[in-house]
Structure formats: structure tokens, C-alpha cells
Amino acid sequence: MTRFRCAVHIVPRRGILDPQGKAVAGALQSLGFAGTGEVRVGRFLVIDTEAADAEAARRDVTAMCERLLANPVTEDFDIAAVEPA
């Protein structure tokens, strides 16, 4: 088994109200960042896991997201990286 470090982004789905993102976008615009569009506020997780290979680690982390970490009704997730730890 090899230890892998996995980076996961979880964000509200498009079309789902994101009041925190809306507040951040408004604050950025009031600070003079006029080009700021929609902002989505989510979570970033770094998960260390043991697996036979990178693909097995990705499958395990996908299952973690589907079963616990991300709400399938309101959130999307992306596994940004799977690297040996």
C-alpha cells in the first residue's frame, strides 16, 4: 500500500443559493474590484489515504465524497489532485 494525498474542492451547485458567495462578491465589488462576477464559497479538503495505486485512491476519495463529504443534492465536488504523500 502507498500513501496518497488527495485534494478535493466542494462547492455549491450552480443555481443553488450561495448567500456567503453573494456577500463576498458584493464586498469585492465595493472594494473596487468591479470586474468581479459570481463567487461560489465552498470547502477545500486534503485527505491522506492508503491505496494500491493512484486510481484506487481516487476511487476511495470519490466514494468518501459521495457518501459523506458532499451533499449530492446541493454540492458538486472535484478531486483536483492525487499524489504520493
N, C-alpha and C. Protein backbone atom coordinates (compact mmCIF):
# COMPACT_ATOMS: atom_id res chain seq x y z
N MET A 1 0.84 -1.18 0.00
CA MET A 1 0.00 0.00 0.00
C MET A 1 0.89 1.25 0.00
N THR A 2 0.41 2.25 -0.68
CA THR A 2 1.11 3.53 -0.76
C THR A 2 0.20 4.61 -0.18
N ARG A 3 0.79 5.59 0.45
CA ARG A 3 0.01 6.71 0.99
C ARG A 3 -0.11 7.77 -0.10
N PHE A 4 -1.34 8.25 -0.31
CA PHE A 4 -1.61 9.29 -1.29
C PHE A 4 -2.23 10.50 -0.60
N ARG A 5 -1.91 11.67 -1.09
CA ARG A 5 -2.53 12.91 -0.63
C ARG A 5 -3.46 13.38 -1.74
N CYS A 6 -4.73 13.57 -1.37
CA CYS A 6 -5.76 13.94 -2.34
C CYS A 6 -6.33 15.31 -2.00
N ALA A 7 -6.44 16.16 -3.01
CA ALA A 7 -7.00 17.50 -2.85
C ALA A 7 -8.42 17.51 -3.43
N VAL A 8 -9.38 17.94 -2.63
CA VAL A 8 -10.79 17.91 -3.03
C VAL A 8 -11.41 19.30 -2.85
N HIS A 9 -12.11 19.76 -3.89
CA HIS A 9 -12.87 21.01 -3.81
C HIS A 9 -14.36 20.65 -3.78
N ILE A 10 -15.09 21.23 -2.84
CA ILE A 10 -16.54 21.02 -2.76
C ILE A 10 -17.19 22.40 -2.81
N VAL A 11 -18.10 22.59 -3.77
CA VAL A 11 -18.75 23.89 -3.94
C VAL A 11 -20.25 23.71 -4.14
N PRO A 12 -21.03 24.74 -3.81
CA PRO A 12 -22.47 24.67 -4.08
C PRO A 12 -22.71 24.53 -5.58
N ARG A 13 -23.69 23.77 -5.96
CA ARG A 13 -24.05 23.62 -7.37
C ARG A 13 -24.54 24.94 -7.94
N ARG A 14 -24.33 25.12 -9.23
CA ARG A 14 -24.87 26.30 -9.91
C ARG A 14 -26.38 26.27 -9.78
N GLY A 15 -26.96 27.41 -9.55
CA GLY A 15 -28.40 27.50 -9.39
C GLY A 15 -28.85 27.36 -7.94
N ILE A 16 -27.96 26.90 -7.07
CA ILE A 16 -28.27 26.80 -5.64
C ILE A 16 -27.86 28.11 -4.98
N LEU A 17 -28.72 28.67 -4.17
CA LEU A 17 -28.43 29.92 -3.48
C LEU A 17 -27.16 29.78 -2.64
N ASP A 18 -26.25 30.74 -2.82
CA ASP A 18 -24.99 30.75 -2.06
C ASP A 18 -24.85 32.14 -1.42
N PRO A 19 -25.52 32.37 -0.26
CA PRO A 19 -25.50 33.69 0.35
C PRO A 19 -24.09 34.15 0.74
N GLN A 20 -23.24 33.22 1.14
CA GLN A 20 -21.88 33.60 1.51
C GLN A 20 -21.11 34.06 0.26
N GLY A 21 -21.27 33.36 -0.83
CA GLY A 21 -20.63 33.77 -2.08
C GLY A 21 -21.13 35.11 -2.56
N LYS A 22 -22.42 35.33 -2.42
CA LYS A 22 -23.03 36.62 -2.82
C LYS A 22 -22.46 37.76 -1.98
N ALA A 23 -22.30 37.52 -0.68
CA ALA A 23 -21.74 38.54 0.21
C ALA A 23 -20.29 38.85 -0.15
N VAL A 24 -19.51 37.82 -0.47
CA VAL A 24 -18.11 38.02 -0.84
C VAL A 24 -18.03 38.80 -2.15
N ALA A 25 -18.86 38.45 -3.11
CA ALA A 25 -18.87 39.16 -4.39
C ALA A 25 -19.20 40.64 -4.18
N GLY A 26 -20.20 40.92 -3.36
CA GLY A 26 -20.57 42.31 -3.08
C GLY A 26 -19.45 43.07 -2.39
N ALA A 27 -18.77 42.41 -1.45
CA ALA A 27 -17.67 43.06 -0.74
C ALA A 27 -16.51 43.35 -1.69
N LEU A 28 -16.20 42.41 -2.57
CA LEU A 28 -15.12 42.64 -3.53
C LEU A 28 -15.44 43.80 -4.47
N GLN A 29 -16.69 43.87 -4.91
CA GLN A 29 -17.10 44.97 -5.78
C GLN A 29 -17.02 46.30 -5.05
N SER A 30 -17.41 46.33 -3.78
CA SER A 30 -17.35 47.58 -3.01
C SER A 30 -15.92 48.00 -2.72
N LEU A 31 -14.98 47.05 -2.79
CA LEU A 31 -13.56 47.37 -2.59
C LEU A 31 -12.89 47.81 -3.90
N GLY A 32 -13.68 47.90 -4.96
CA GLY A 32 -13.14 48.40 -6.22
C GLY A 32 -12.83 47.33 -7.24
N PHE A 33 -13.13 46.09 -6.95
CA PHE A 33 -12.90 45.02 -7.92
C PHE A 33 -14.16 44.86 -8.77
N ALA A 34 -14.38 45.87 -9.65
CA ALA A 34 -15.62 45.97 -10.42
C ALA A 34 -15.83 44.78 -11.36
N GLY A 35 -14.78 44.13 -11.77
CA GLY A 35 -14.91 43.01 -12.70
C GLY A 35 -15.33 41.71 -12.04
N THR A 36 -15.53 41.73 -10.74
CA THR A 36 -15.91 40.51 -10.02
C THR A 36 -17.30 40.08 -10.41
N GLY A 37 -17.42 38.84 -10.82
CA GLY A 37 -18.72 38.26 -11.15
C GLY A 37 -19.21 37.40 -10.01
N GLU A 38 -19.78 36.27 -10.37
CA GLU A 38 -20.30 35.35 -9.37
C GLU A 38 -19.15 34.75 -8.55
N VAL A 39 -19.37 34.61 -7.26
CA VAL A 39 -18.41 33.96 -6.37
C VAL A 39 -19.12 32.79 -5.69
N ARG A 40 -18.48 31.64 -5.68
CA ARG A 40 -19.01 30.46 -5.00
C ARG A 40 -18.06 30.15 -3.85
N VAL A 41 -18.57 30.03 -2.66
CA VAL A 41 -17.76 29.71 -1.49
C VAL A 41 -17.99 28.24 -1.14
N GLY A 42 -16.90 27.50 -1.05
CA GLY A 42 -17.01 26.08 -0.75
C GLY A 42 -15.98 25.67 0.27
N ARG A 43 -15.57 24.41 0.17
CA ARG A 43 -14.59 23.86 1.09
C ARG A 43 -13.46 23.22 0.28
N PHE A 44 -12.28 23.24 0.88
CA PHE A 44 -11.11 22.57 0.30
C PHE A 44 -10.61 21.57 1.32
N LEU A 45 -10.52 20.31 0.92
CA LEU A 45 -10.07 19.26 1.83
C LEU A 45 -8.81 18.62 1.29
N VAL A 46 -7.91 18.28 2.18
CA VAL A 46 -6.73 17.49 1.85
C VAL A 46 -6.86 16.19 2.64
N ILE A 47 -6.92 15.08 1.91
CA ILE A 47 -7.16 13.78 2.53
C ILE A 47 -5.96 12.88 2.25
N ASP A 48 -5.35 12.36 3.30
CA ASP A 48 -4.30 11.35 3.15
C ASP A 48 -4.96 9.98 3.28
N THR A 49 -4.67 9.11 2.33
CA THR A 49 -5.27 7.78 2.35
C THR A 49 -4.27 6.76 1.81
N GLU A 50 -4.41 5.53 2.21
CA GLU A 50 -3.57 4.46 1.70
C GLU A 50 -4.35 3.67 0.66
N ALA A 51 -3.67 3.37 -0.46
CA ALA A 51 -4.30 2.62 -1.54
C ALA A 51 -3.22 1.92 -2.35
N ALA A 52 -3.65 0.98 -3.18
CA ALA A 52 -2.71 0.23 -4.00
C ALA A 52 -2.06 1.10 -5.07
N ASP A 53 -2.84 2.04 -5.63
CA ASP A 53 -2.32 2.94 -6.65
C ASP A 53 -3.16 4.22 -6.67
N ALA A 54 -2.77 5.16 -7.52
CA ALA A 54 -3.46 6.45 -7.56
C ALA A 54 -4.92 6.31 -7.97
N GLU A 55 -5.21 5.41 -8.90
CA GLU A 55 -6.59 5.23 -9.34
C GLU A 55 -7.46 4.68 -8.20
N ALA A 56 -6.92 3.77 -7.42
CA ALA A 56 -7.67 3.24 -6.27
C ALA A 56 -7.88 4.33 -5.23
N ALA A 57 -6.89 5.18 -5.02
CA ALA A 57 -7.04 6.30 -4.09
C ALA A 57 -8.14 7.24 -4.57
N ARG A 58 -8.16 7.53 -5.88
CA ARG A 58 -9.20 8.41 -6.45
C ARG A 58 -10.58 7.78 -6.26
N ARG A 59 -10.69 6.49 -6.49
CA ARG A 59 -11.99 5.81 -6.29
C ARG A 59 -12.44 5.90 -4.84
N ASP A 60 -11.50 5.69 -3.90
CA ASP A 60 -11.84 5.75 -2.48
C ASP A 60 -12.31 7.16 -2.10
N VAL A 61 -11.59 8.18 -2.55
CA VAL A 61 -11.95 9.55 -2.21
C VAL A 61 -13.27 9.94 -2.87
N THR A 62 -13.51 9.46 -4.08
CA THR A 62 -14.80 9.69 -4.73
C THR A 62 -15.93 9.10 -3.89
N ALA A 63 -15.74 7.90 -3.39
CA ALA A 63 -16.75 7.26 -2.54
C ALA A 63 -16.95 8.05 -1.25
N MET A 64 -15.86 8.56 -0.68
CA MET A 64 -15.97 9.39 0.54
C MET A 64 -16.83 10.61 0.28
N CYS A 65 -16.59 11.26 -0.86
CA CYS A 65 -17.35 12.47 -1.20
C CYS A 65 -18.83 12.13 -1.43
N GLU A 66 -19.08 11.06 -2.17
CA GLU A 66 -20.45 10.67 -2.47
C GLU A 66 -21.23 10.24 -1.23
N ARG A 67 -20.56 9.60 -0.28
CA ARG A 67 -21.25 9.06 0.89
C ARG A 67 -21.30 9.99 2.08
N LEU A 68 -20.34 10.93 2.21
CA LEU A 68 -20.29 11.75 3.41
C LEU A 68 -19.93 13.21 3.18
N LEU A 69 -18.90 13.48 2.43
CA LEU A 69 -18.31 14.82 2.41
C LEU A 69 -19.12 15.85 1.63
N ALA A 70 -19.76 15.45 0.55
CA ALA A 70 -20.53 16.39 -0.28
C ALA A 70 -22.00 16.00 -0.27
N ASN A 71 -22.85 16.99 -0.14
CA ASN A 71 -24.30 16.75 -0.22
C ASN A 71 -24.65 16.61 -1.71
N PRO A 72 -25.10 15.44 -2.16
CA PRO A 72 -25.34 15.23 -3.59
C PRO A 72 -26.47 16.09 -4.17
N VAL A 73 -27.32 16.62 -3.32
CA VAL A 73 -28.42 17.45 -3.79
C VAL A 73 -27.97 18.89 -4.05
N THR A 74 -27.07 19.40 -3.22
CA THR A 74 -26.72 20.82 -3.29
C THR A 74 -25.26 21.12 -3.64
N GLU A 75 -24.39 20.10 -3.67
CA GLU A 75 -22.97 20.37 -3.86
C GLU A 75 -22.36 19.49 -4.95
N ASP A 76 -21.35 20.05 -5.61
CA ASP A 76 -20.51 19.32 -6.55
C ASP A 76 -19.13 19.19 -5.94
N PHE A 77 -18.40 18.16 -6.34
CA PHE A 77 -17.03 18.03 -5.86
C PHE A 77 -16.10 17.72 -7.03
N ASP A 78 -14.85 18.09 -6.85
CA ASP A 78 -13.82 17.84 -7.85
C ASP A 78 -12.57 17.37 -7.12
N ILE A 79 -12.03 16.25 -7.52
CA ILE A 79 -10.77 15.78 -6.96
C ILE A 79 -9.67 16.38 -7.82
N ALA A 80 -9.02 17.41 -7.28
CA ALA A 80 -8.07 18.20 -8.04
C ALA A 80 -6.73 17.51 -8.21
N ALA A 81 -6.32 16.70 -7.25
CA ALA A 81 -5.01 16.05 -7.32
C ALA A 81 -4.98 14.79 -6.48
N VAL A 82 -4.26 13.81 -6.97
CA VAL A 82 -3.97 12.60 -6.21
C VAL A 82 -2.48 12.36 -6.40
N GLU A 83 -1.70 12.57 -5.34
CA GLU A 83 -0.25 12.47 -5.44
C GLU A 83 0.29 11.61 -4.31
N PRO A 84 1.39 10.92 -4.56
CA PRO A 84 2.01 10.18 -3.46
C PRO A 84 2.39 11.12 -2.32
N ALA A 85 2.12 10.70 -1.10
CA ALA A 85 2.40 11.55 0.06
C ALA A 85 3.79 11.30 0.60
